[in-house]
Amino acid sequence: EILVNPTANIFRKTSDALLTTHVKTALATDPRISARNVK
């Protein structure tokens, strides 16, 4: 899934890190799924 695109800058990397955290939090707080089984 590599993109032919300019490399992500520090702001984009920070935004992506926050996205990952928010999605993980949503998974961890929903009883219908085990966040341990999703990367």
PDB file of all heavy atoms in Angstrom:
ATOM      1  N   GLU A   1       0.827  -1.207   0.000  1.00  0.00           N
ATOM      2  CA  GLU A   1       0.000   0.000   0.000  1.00  0.00           C
ATOM      3  C   GLU A   1       0.865   1.263   0.000  1.00  0.00           C
ATOM      4  O   GLU A   1       0.396   2.346   0.386  1.00  0.00           O
ATOM      5  CB  GLU A   1      -0.923  -0.010   1.220  1.00  0.00           C
ATOM      6  CG  GLU A   1      -2.026  -1.044   1.149  1.00  0.00           C
ATOM      7  CD  GLU A   1      -3.076  -0.710   0.101  1.00  0.00           C
ATOM      8  OE1 GLU A   1      -3.549   0.441   0.072  1.00  0.00           O
ATOM      9  OE2 GLU A   1      -3.410  -1.603  -0.702  1.00  0.00           O
ATOM     10  N   ILE A   2       2.107   1.138  -0.440  1.00  0.00           N
ATOM     11  CA  ILE A   2       2.999   2.295  -0.516  1.00  0.00           C
ATOM     12  C   ILE A   2       2.463   3.270  -1.565  1.00  0.00           C
ATOM     13  O   ILE A   2       2.038   2.866  -2.640  1.00  0.00           O
ATOM     14  CB  ILE A   2       4.429   1.856  -0.878  1.00  0.00           C
ATOM     15  CG1 ILE A   2       5.000   0.956   0.217  1.00  0.00           C
ATOM     16  CG2 ILE A   2       5.329   3.061  -1.095  1.00  0.00           C
ATOM     17  CD1 ILE A   2       6.321   0.307  -0.156  1.00  0.00           C
ATOM     18  N   LEU A   3       2.501   4.548  -1.240  1.00  0.00           N
ATOM     19  CA  LEU A   3       2.026   5.581  -2.156  1.00  0.00           C
ATOM     20  C   LEU A   3       3.199   6.251  -2.863  1.00  0.00           C
ATOM     21  O   LEU A   3       4.241   6.486  -2.251  1.00  0.00           O
ATOM     22  CB  LEU A   3       1.239   6.643  -1.392  1.00  0.00           C
ATOM     23  CG  LEU A   3      -0.009   6.180  -0.622  1.00  0.00           C
ATOM     24  CD1 LEU A   3      -0.596   7.349   0.160  1.00  0.00           C
ATOM     25  CD2 LEU A   3      -1.039   5.595  -1.580  1.00  0.00           C
ATOM     26  N   VAL A   4       3.023   6.546  -4.149  1.00  0.00           N
ATOM     27  CA  VAL A   4       3.989   7.379  -4.864  1.00  0.00           C
ATOM     28  C   VAL A   4       3.573   8.818  -4.573  1.00  0.00           C
ATOM     29  O   VAL A   4       2.661   9.358  -5.193  1.00  0.00           O
ATOM     30  CB  VAL A   4       3.976   7.085  -6.376  1.00  0.00           C
ATOM     31  CG1 VAL A   4       4.964   7.999  -7.095  1.00  0.00           C
ATOM     32  CG2 VAL A   4       4.309   5.622  -6.639  1.00  0.00           C
ATOM     33  N   ASN A   5       4.263   9.378  -3.592  1.00  0.00           N
ATOM     34  CA  ASN A   5       3.808  10.648  -3.041  1.00  0.00           C
ATOM     35  C   ASN A   5       4.953  11.255  -2.232  1.00  0.00           C
ATOM     36  O   ASN A   5       5.808  10.528  -1.720  1.00  0.00           O
ATOM     37  CB  ASN A   5       2.607  10.380  -2.122  1.00  0.00           C
ATOM     38  CG  ASN A   5       1.759  11.601  -1.859  1.00  0.00           C
ATOM     39  OD1 ASN A   5       1.112  12.112  -2.764  1.00  0.00           O
ATOM     40  ND2 ASN A   5       1.756  12.071  -0.625  1.00  0.00           N
ATOM     41  N   PRO A   6       5.012  12.576  -2.082  1.00  0.00           N
ATOM     42  CA  PRO A   6       6.024  13.160  -1.197  1.00  0.00           C
ATOM     43  C   PRO A   6       5.912  12.569   0.203  1.00  0.00           C
ATOM     44  O   PRO A   6       4.815  12.274   0.683  1.00  0.00           O
ATOM     45  CB  PRO A   6       5.671  14.657  -1.206  1.00  0.00           C
ATOM     46  CG  PRO A   6       5.004  14.868  -2.523  1.00  0.00           C
ATOM     47  CD  PRO A   6       4.215  13.607  -2.768  1.00  0.00           C
ATOM     48  N   THR A   7       7.030  12.367   0.862  1.00  0.00           N
ATOM     49  CA  THR A   7       7.018  11.751   2.192  1.00  0.00           C
ATOM     50  C   THR A   7       6.284  12.621   3.201  1.00  0.00           C
ATOM     51  O   THR A   7       6.282  13.851   3.100  1.00  0.00           O
ATOM     52  CB  THR A   7       8.445  11.486   2.696  1.00  0.00           C
ATOM     53  OG1 THR A   7       9.184  12.713   2.669  1.00  0.00           O
ATOM     54  CG2 THR A   7       9.132  10.450   1.835  1.00  0.00           C
ATOM     55  N   ALA A   8       5.662  11.972   4.158  1.00  0.00           N
ATOM     56  CA  ALA A   8       4.887  12.676   5.175  1.00  0.00           C
ATOM     57  C   ALA A   8       5.796  13.568   6.023  1.00  0.00           C
ATOM     58  O   ALA A   8       6.868  13.143   6.457  1.00  0.00           O
ATOM     59  CB  ALA A   8       4.156  11.670   6.059  1.00  0.00           C
ATOM     60  N   ASN A   9       5.352  14.801   6.270  1.00  0.00           N
ATOM     61  CA  ASN A   9       6.114  15.693   7.146  1.00  0.00           C
ATOM     62  C   ASN A   9       5.744  15.425   8.596  1.00  0.00           C
ATOM     63  O   ASN A   9       4.888  14.592   8.900  1.00  0.00           O
ATOM     64  CB  ASN A   9       5.884  17.163   6.770  1.00  0.00           C
ATOM     65  CG  ASN A   9       4.409  17.560   6.830  1.00  0.00           C
ATOM     66  OD1 ASN A   9       3.642  17.049   7.654  1.00  0.00           O
ATOM     67  ND2 ASN A   9       4.009  18.467   5.953  1.00  0.00           N
ATOM     68  N   ILE A  10       6.376  16.133   9.508  1.00  0.00           N
ATOM     69  CA  ILE A  10       6.180  15.898  10.935  1.00  0.00           C
ATOM     70  C   ILE A  10       4.742  16.133  11.350  1.00  0.00           C
ATOM     71  O   ILE A  10       4.195  15.435  12.210  1.00  0.00           O
ATOM     72  CB  ILE A  10       7.143  16.775  11.775  1.00  0.00           C
ATOM     73  CG1 ILE A  10       7.017  16.418  13.254  1.00  0.00           C
ATOM     74  CG2 ILE A  10       6.873  18.249  11.517  1.00  0.00           C
ATOM     75  CD1 ILE A  10       7.398  15.003  13.584  1.00  0.00           C
ATOM     76  N   PHE A  11       4.070  17.090  10.710  1.00  0.00           N
ATOM     77  CA  PHE A  11       2.684  17.369  11.060  1.00  0.00           C
ATOM     78  C   PHE A  11       1.770  16.227  10.624  1.00  0.00           C
ATOM     79  O   PHE A  11       0.859  15.830  11.358  1.00  0.00           O
ATOM     80  CB  PHE A  11       2.247  18.688  10.415  1.00  0.00           C
ATOM     81  CG  PHE A  11       3.068  19.866  10.841  1.00  0.00           C
ATOM     82  CD1 PHE A  11       3.999  20.430   9.975  1.00  0.00           C
ATOM     83  CD2 PHE A  11       2.932  20.405  12.112  1.00  0.00           C
ATOM     84  CE1 PHE A  11       4.774  21.506  10.372  1.00  0.00           C
ATOM     85  CE2 PHE A  11       3.703  21.494  12.514  1.00  0.00           C
ATOM     86  CZ  PHE A  11       4.628  22.042  11.645  1.00  0.00           C
ATOM     87  N   ARG A  12       2.026  15.683   9.430  1.00  0.00           N
ATOM     88  CA  ARG A  12       1.232  14.564   8.947  1.00  0.00           C
ATOM     89  C   ARG A  12       1.475  13.321   9.806  1.00  0.00           C
ATOM     90  O   ARG A  12       0.531  12.592  10.130  1.00  0.00           O
ATOM     91  CB  ARG A  12       1.600  14.276   7.492  1.00  0.00           C
ATOM     92  CG  ARG A  12       0.831  13.143   6.823  1.00  0.00           C
ATOM     93  CD  ARG A  12      -0.623  13.505   6.613  1.00  0.00           C
ATOM     94  NE  ARG A  12      -1.494  12.929   7.642  1.00  0.00           N
ATOM     95  CZ  ARG A  12      -2.787  13.161   7.707  1.00  0.00           C
ATOM     96  NH1 ARG A  12      -3.370  13.971   6.846  1.00  0.00           N
ATOM     97  NH2 ARG A  12      -3.523  12.600   8.658  1.00  0.00           N
ATOM     98  N   LYS A  13       2.722  13.092  10.173  1.00  0.00           N
ATOM     99  CA  LYS A  13       3.040  11.942  11.021  1.00  0.00           C
ATOM    100  C   LYS A  13       2.353  12.054  12.371  1.00  0.00           C
ATOM    101  O   LYS A  13       1.826  11.069  12.908  1.00  0.00           O
ATOM    102  CB  LYS A  13       4.555  11.828  11.206  1.00  0.00           C
ATOM    103  CG  LYS A  13       5.325  11.441   9.957  1.00  0.00           C
ATOM    104  CD  LYS A  13       6.818  11.423  10.234  1.00  0.00           C
ATOM    105  CE  LYS A  13       7.621  11.124   8.992  1.00  0.00           C
ATOM    106  NZ  LYS A  13       9.082  11.165   9.245  1.00  0.00           N
ATOM    107  N   THR A  14       2.345  13.266  12.930  1.00  0.00           N
ATOM    108  CA  THR A  14       1.686  13.482  14.218  1.00  0.00           C
ATOM    109  C   THR A  14       0.186  13.249  14.101  1.00  0.00           C
ATOM    110  O   THR A  14      -0.434  12.611  14.958  1.00  0.00           O
ATOM    111  CB  THR A  14       1.943  14.910  14.724  1.00  0.00           C
ATOM    112  OG1 THR A  14       3.352  15.108  14.877  1.00  0.00           O
ATOM    113  CG2 THR A  14       1.255  15.145  16.064  1.00  0.00           C
ATOM    114  N   SER A  15      -0.391  13.737  13.004  1.00  0.00           N
ATOM    115  CA  SER A  15      -1.820  13.543  12.774  1.00  0.00           C
ATOM    116  C   SER A  15      -2.157  12.069  12.629  1.00  0.00           C
ATOM    117  O   SER A  15      -3.154  11.585  13.179  1.00  0.00           O
ATOM    118  CB  SER A  15      -2.246  14.314  11.523  1.00  0.00           C
ATOM    119  OG  SER A  15      -3.625  14.119  11.263  1.00  0.00           O
ATOM    120  N   ASP A  16      -1.318  11.337  11.901  1.00  0.00           N
ATOM    121  CA  ASP A  16      -1.553   9.902  11.726  1.00  0.00           C
ATOM    122  C   ASP A  16      -1.428   9.153  13.051  1.00  0.00           C
ATOM    123  O   ASP A  16      -2.190   8.225  13.322  1.00  0.00           O
ATOM    124  CB  ASP A  16      -0.565   9.328  10.706  1.00  0.00           C
ATOM    125  CG  ASP A  16      -0.914   9.714   9.274  1.00  0.00           C
ATOM    126  OD1 ASP A  16      -2.090  10.023   9.011  1.00  0.00           O
ATOM    127  OD2 ASP A  16      -0.007   9.708   8.426  1.00  0.00           O
ATOM    128  N   ALA A  17      -0.470   9.558  13.868  1.00  0.00           N
ATOM    129  CA  ALA A  17      -0.304   8.918  15.180  1.00  0.00           C
ATOM    130  C   ALA A  17      -1.543   9.130  16.044  1.00  0.00           C
ATOM    131  O   ALA A  17      -1.992   8.216  16.763  1.00  0.00           O
ATOM    132  CB  ALA A  17       0.930   9.474  15.876  1.00  0.00           C
ATOM    133  N   LEU A  18      -2.120  10.326  15.968  1.00  0.00           N
ATOM    134  CA  LEU A  18      -3.341  10.616  16.721  1.00  0.00           C
ATOM    135  C   LEU A  18      -4.516   9.796  16.185  1.00  0.00           C
ATOM    136  O   LEU A  18      -5.339   9.294  16.968  1.00  0.00           O
ATOM    137  CB  LEU A  18      -3.659  12.106  16.649  1.00  0.00           C
ATOM    138  CG  LEU A  18      -2.762  13.025  17.480  1.00  0.00           C
ATOM    139  CD1 LEU A  18      -3.086  14.488  17.195  1.00  0.00           C
ATOM    140  CD2 LEU A  18      -2.927  12.732  18.966  1.00  0.00           C
ATOM    141  N   LEU A  19      -4.580   9.659  14.857  1.00  0.00           N
ATOM    142  CA  LEU A  19      -5.634   8.834  14.272  1.00  0.00           C
ATOM    143  C   LEU A  19      -5.564   7.404  14.796  1.00  0.00           C
ATOM    144  O   LEU A  19      -6.567   6.811  15.173  1.00  0.00           O
ATOM    145  CB  LEU A  19      -5.506   8.816  12.745  1.00  0.00           C
ATOM    146  CG  LEU A  19      -6.152   9.944  11.942  1.00  0.00           C
ATOM    147  CD1 LEU A  19      -6.013   9.661  10.460  1.00  0.00           C
ATOM    148  CD2 LEU A  19      -7.599  10.126  12.315  1.00  0.00           C
ATOM    149  N   THR A  20      -4.350   6.850  14.807  1.00  0.00           N
ATOM    150  CA  THR A  20      -4.166   5.493  15.312  1.00  0.00           C
ATOM    151  C   THR A  20      -4.642   5.375  16.753  1.00  0.00           C
ATOM    152  O   THR A  20      -5.349   4.425  17.120  1.00  0.00           O
ATOM    153  CB  THR A  20      -2.685   5.079  15.214  1.00  0.00           C
ATOM    154  OG1 THR A  20      -2.299   5.041  13.832  1.00  0.00           O
ATOM    155  CG2 THR A  20      -2.446   3.704  15.827  1.00  0.00           C
ATOM    156  N   THR A  21      -4.277   6.347  17.571  1.00  0.00           N
ATOM    157  CA  THR A  21      -4.685   6.343  18.976  1.00  0.00           C
ATOM    158  C   THR A  21      -6.196   6.404  19.114  1.00  0.00           C
ATOM    159  O   THR A  21      -6.801   5.664  19.904  1.00  0.00           O
ATOM    160  CB  THR A  21      -4.050   7.530  19.725  1.00  0.00           C
ATOM    161  OG1 THR A  21      -2.626   7.399  19.680  1.00  0.00           O
ATOM    162  CG2 THR A  21      -4.505   7.570  21.171  1.00  0.00           C
ATOM    163  N   HIS A  22      -6.832   7.275  18.336  1.00  0.00           N
ATOM    164  CA  HIS A  22      -8.284   7.425  18.427  1.00  0.00           C
ATOM    165  C   HIS A  22      -9.017   6.171  17.969  1.00  0.00           C
ATOM    166  O   HIS A  22     -10.015   5.763  18.585  1.00  0.00           O
ATOM    167  CB  HIS A  22      -8.726   8.623  17.588  1.00  0.00           C
ATOM    168  CG  HIS A  22      -8.266   9.938  18.142  1.00  0.00           C
ATOM    169  ND1 HIS A  22      -8.177  11.085  17.383  1.00  0.00           N
ATOM    170  CD2 HIS A  22      -7.869  10.296  19.389  1.00  0.00           C
ATOM    171  CE1 HIS A  22      -7.743  12.075  18.126  1.00  0.00           C
ATOM    172  NE2 HIS A  22      -7.538  11.620  19.352  1.00  0.00           N
ATOM    173  N   VAL A  23      -8.526   5.532  16.900  1.00  0.00           N
ATOM    174  CA  VAL A  23      -9.165   4.308  16.425  1.00  0.00           C
ATOM    175  C   VAL A  23      -8.967   3.181  17.445  1.00  0.00           C
ATOM    176  O   VAL A  23      -9.903   2.425  17.744  1.00  0.00           O
ATOM    177  CB  VAL A  23      -8.616   3.889  15.048  1.00  0.00           C
ATOM    178  CG1 VAL A  23      -9.162   2.519  14.647  1.00  0.00           C
ATOM    179  CG2 VAL A  23      -8.986   4.927  13.999  1.00  0.00           C
ATOM    180  N   LYS A  24      -7.773   3.083  17.992  1.00  0.00           N
ATOM    181  CA  LYS A  24      -7.511   2.055  19.014  1.00  0.00           C
ATOM    182  C   LYS A  24      -8.416   2.249  20.223  1.00  0.00           C
ATOM    183  O   LYS A  24      -8.928   1.280  20.800  1.00  0.00           O
ATOM    184  CB  LYS A  24      -6.042   2.107  19.448  1.00  0.00           C
ATOM    185  CG  LYS A  24      -5.069   1.503  18.457  1.00  0.00           C
ATOM    186  CD  LYS A  24      -3.650   1.547  19.014  1.00  0.00           C
ATOM    187  CE  LYS A  24      -2.664   0.858  18.100  1.00  0.00           C
ATOM    188  NZ  LYS A  24      -1.289   0.902  18.649  1.00  0.00           N
ATOM    189  N   THR A  25      -8.610   3.499  20.615  1.00  0.00           N
ATOM    190  CA  THR A  25      -9.481   3.798  21.761  1.00  0.00           C
ATOM    191  C   THR A  25     -10.915   3.384  21.465  1.00  0.00           C
ATOM    192  O   THR A  25     -11.600   2.792  22.310  1.00  0.00           O
ATOM    193  CB  THR A  25      -9.432   5.293  22.094  1.00  0.00           C
ATOM    194  OG1 THR A  25      -8.093   5.660  22.438  1.00  0.00           O
ATOM    195  CG2 THR A  25     -10.364   5.625  23.258  1.00  0.00           C
ATOM    196  N   ALA A  26     -11.378   3.680  20.247  1.00  0.00           N
ATOM    197  CA  ALA A  26     -12.734   3.290  19.869  1.00  0.00           C
ATOM    198  C   ALA A  26     -12.895   1.776  19.902  1.00  0.00           C
ATOM    199  O   ALA A  26     -13.918   1.255  20.368  1.00  0.00           O
ATOM    200  CB  ALA A  26     -13.057   3.835  18.478  1.00  0.00           C
ATOM    201  N   LEU A  27     -11.901   1.052  19.415  1.00  0.00           N
ATOM    202  CA  LEU A  27     -11.954  -0.411  19.428  1.00  0.00           C
ATOM    203  C   LEU A  27     -11.924  -0.953  20.853  1.00  0.00           C
ATOM    204  O   LEU A  27     -12.642  -1.897  21.192  1.00  0.00           O
ATOM    205  CB  LEU A  27     -10.780  -0.986  18.632  1.00  0.00           C
ATOM    206  CG  LEU A  27     -10.758  -0.722  17.126  1.00  0.00           C
ATOM    207  CD1 LEU A  27      -9.445  -1.196  16.523  1.00  0.00           C
ATOM    208  CD2 LEU A  27     -11.929  -1.399  16.440  1.00  0.00           C
ATOM    209  N   ALA A  28     -11.085  -0.350  21.689  1.00  0.00           N
ATOM    210  CA  ALA A  28     -10.907  -0.842  23.056  1.00  0.00           C
ATOM    211  C   ALA A  28     -12.131  -0.626  23.925  1.00  0.00           C
ATOM    212  O   ALA A  28     -12.331  -1.352  24.909  1.00  0.00           O
ATOM    213  CB  ALA A  28      -9.691  -0.165  23.689  1.00  0.00           C
ATOM    214  N   THR A  29     -12.944   0.342  23.574  1.00  0.00           N
ATOM    215  CA  THR A  29     -14.104   0.672  24.416  1.00  0.00           C
ATOM    216  C   THR A  29     -15.405   0.088  23.872  1.00  0.00           C
ATOM    217  O   THR A  29     -16.467   0.322  24.454  1.00  0.00           O
ATOM    218  CB  THR A  29     -14.252   2.203  24.543  1.00  0.00           C
ATOM    219  OG1 THR A  29     -14.316   2.789  23.240  1.00  0.00           O
ATOM    220  CG2 THR A  29     -13.078   2.797  25.303  1.00  0.00           C
ATOM    221  N   ASP A  30     -15.337  -0.665  22.788  1.00  0.00           N
ATOM    222  CA  ASP A  30     -16.540  -1.290  22.240  1.00  0.00           C
ATOM    223  C   ASP A  30     -16.560  -2.768  22.625  1.00  0.00           C
ATOM    224  O   ASP A  30     -15.635  -3.511  22.279  1.00  0.00           O
ATOM    225  CB  ASP A  30     -16.566  -1.138  20.714  1.00  0.00           C
ATOM    226  CG  ASP A  30     -17.934  -1.465  20.137  1.00  0.00           C
ATOM    227  OD1 ASP A  30     -18.407  -2.600  20.343  1.00  0.00           O
ATOM    228  OD2 ASP A  30     -18.515  -0.579  19.491  1.00  0.00           O
ATOM    229  N   PRO A  31     -17.596  -3.219  23.344  1.00  0.00           N
ATOM    230  CA  PRO A  31     -17.633  -4.612  23.822  1.00  0.00           C
ATOM    231  C   PRO A  31     -17.827  -5.643  22.721  1.00  0.00           C
ATOM    232  O   PRO A  31     -17.677  -6.847  22.965  1.00  0.00           O
ATOM    233  CB  PRO A  31     -18.834  -4.603  24.781  1.00  0.00           C
ATOM    234  CG  PRO A  31     -19.715  -3.511  24.255  1.00  0.00           C
ATOM    235  CD  PRO A  31     -18.769  -2.453  23.760  1.00  0.00           C
ATOM    236  N   ARG A  32     -18.134  -5.198  21.509  1.00  0.00           N
ATOM    237  CA  ARG A  32     -18.387  -6.157  20.425  1.00  0.00           C
ATOM    238  C   ARG A  32     -17.115  -6.705  19.798  1.00  0.00           C
ATOM    239  O   ARG A  32     -17.174  -7.634  18.985  1.00  0.00           O
ATOM    240  CB  ARG A  32     -19.244  -5.494  19.340  1.00  0.00           C
ATOM    241  CG  ARG A  32     -20.638  -5.091  19.781  1.00  0.00           C
ATOM    242  CD  ARG A  32     -21.318  -4.276  18.697  1.00  0.00           C
ATOM    243  NE  ARG A  32     -20.626  -3.006  18.482  1.00  0.00           N
ATOM    244  CZ  ARG A  32     -20.918  -2.170  17.474  1.00  0.00           C
ATOM    245  NH1 ARG A  32     -21.849  -2.502  16.598  1.00  0.00           N
ATOM    246  NH2 ARG A  32     -20.262  -1.029  17.351  1.00  0.00           N
ATOM    247  N   ILE A  33     -15.974  -6.146  20.154  1.00  0.00           N
ATOM    248  CA  ILE A  33     -14.727  -6.560  19.514  1.00  0.00           C
ATOM    249  C   ILE A  33     -13.581  -6.503  20.510  1.00  0.00           C
ATOM    250  O   ILE A  33     -13.587  -5.679  21.434  1.00  0.00           O
ATOM    251  CB  ILE A  33     -14.425  -5.653  18.295  1.00  0.00           C
ATOM    252  CG1 ILE A  33     -13.248  -6.213  17.488  1.00  0.00           C
ATOM    253  CG2 ILE A  33     -14.192  -4.217  18.710  1.00  0.00           C
ATOM    254  CD1 ILE A  33     -13.079  -5.534  16.139  1.00  0.00           C
ATOM    255  N   SER A  34     -12.610  -7.380  20.342  1.00  0.00           N
ATOM    256  CA  SER A  34     -11.407  -7.358  21.164  1.00  0.00           C
ATOM    257  C   SER A  34     -10.319  -6.597  20.415  1.00  0.00           C
ATOM    258  O   SER A  34      -9.839  -7.044  19.377  1.00  0.00           O
ATOM    259  CB  SER A  34     -10.920  -8.783  21.466  1.00  0.00           C
ATOM    260  OG  SER A  34      -9.659  -8.742  22.096  1.00  0.00           O
ATOM    261  N   ALA A  35      -9.951  -5.438  20.949  1.00  0.00           N
ATOM    262  CA  ALA A  35      -8.931  -4.613  20.295  1.00  0.00           C
ATOM    263  C   ALA A  35      -7.604  -5.343  20.206  1.00  0.00           C
ATOM    264  O   ALA A  35      -6.769  -5.027  19.346  1.00  0.00           O
ATOM    265  CB  ALA A  35      -8.762  -3.301  21.058  1.00  0.00           C
ATOM    266  N   ARG A  36      -7.393  -6.341  21.061  1.00  0.00           N
ATOM    267  CA  ARG A  36      -6.148  -7.102  21.048  1.00  0.00           C
ATOM    268  C   ARG A  36      -5.944  -7.828  19.715  1.00  0.00           C
ATOM    269  O   ARG A  36      -4.814  -8.107  19.323  1.00  0.00           O
ATOM    270  CB  ARG A  36      -6.158  -8.111  22.206  1.00  0.00           C
ATOM    271  CG  ARG A  36      -4.891  -8.932  22.365  1.00  0.00           C
ATOM    272  CD  ARG A  36      -5.051  -9.929  23.491  1.00  0.00           C
ATOM    273  NE  ARG A  36      -3.852 -10.731  23.670  1.00  0.00           N
ATOM    274  CZ  ARG A  36      -2.829 -10.409  24.446  1.00  0.00           C
ATOM    275  NH1 ARG A  36      -2.870  -9.277  25.122  1.00  0.00           N
ATOM    276  NH2 ARG A  36      -1.782 -11.197  24.568  1.00  0.00           N
ATOM    277  N   ASN A  37      -7.034  -8.116  19.022  1.00  0.00           N
ATOM    278  CA  ASN A  37      -6.950  -8.886  17.787  1.00  0.00           C
ATOM    279  C   ASN A  37      -6.947  -8.023  16.530  1.00  0.00           C
ATOM    280  O   ASN A  37      -7.063  -8.545  15.417  1.00  0.00           O
ATOM    281  CB  ASN A  37      -8.118  -9.880  17.724  1.00  0.00           C
ATOM    282  CG  ASN A  37      -7.989 -10.962  18.776  1.00  0.00           C
ATOM    283  OD1 ASN A  37      -6.928 -11.548  18.932  1.00  0.00           O
ATOM    284  ND2 ASN A  37      -9.058 -11.208  19.510  1.00  0.00           N
ATOM    285  N   VAL A  38      -6.825  -6.711  16.706  1.00  0.00           N
ATOM    286  CA  VAL A  38      -6.798  -5.807  15.563  1.00  0.00           C
ATOM    287  C   VAL A  38      -5.585  -4.889  15.670  1.00  0.00           C
ATOM    288  O   VAL A  38      -5.392  -4.229  16.689  1.00  0.00           O
ATOM    289  CB  VAL A  38      -8.075  -4.949  15.480  1.00  0.00           C
ATOM    290  CG1 VAL A  38      -8.005  -4.009  14.281  1.00  0.00           C
ATOM    291  CG2 VAL A  38      -9.315  -5.825  15.392  1.00  0.00           C
ATOM    292  N   LYS A  39      -4.776  -4.860  14.628  1.00  0.00           N
ATOM    293  CA  LYS A  39      -3.640  -3.936  14.570  1.00  0.00           C
ATOM    294  C   LYS A  39      -4.031  -2.757  13.697  1.00  0.00           C
ATOM    295  O   LYS A  39      -4.572  -2.937  12.601  1.00  0.00           O
ATOM    296  CB  LYS A  39      -2.400  -4.631  14.019  1.00  0.00           C
ATOM    297  CG  LYS A  39      -1.191  -3.702  13.882  1.00  0.00           C
ATOM    298  CD  LYS A  39       0.098  -4.478  13.617  1.00  0.00           C
ATOM    299  CE  LYS A  39       0.640  -5.093  14.891  1.00  0.00           C
ATOM    300  NZ  LYS A  39       2.025  -5.616  14.728  1.00  0.00           N
TER     301      LYS A  39
END
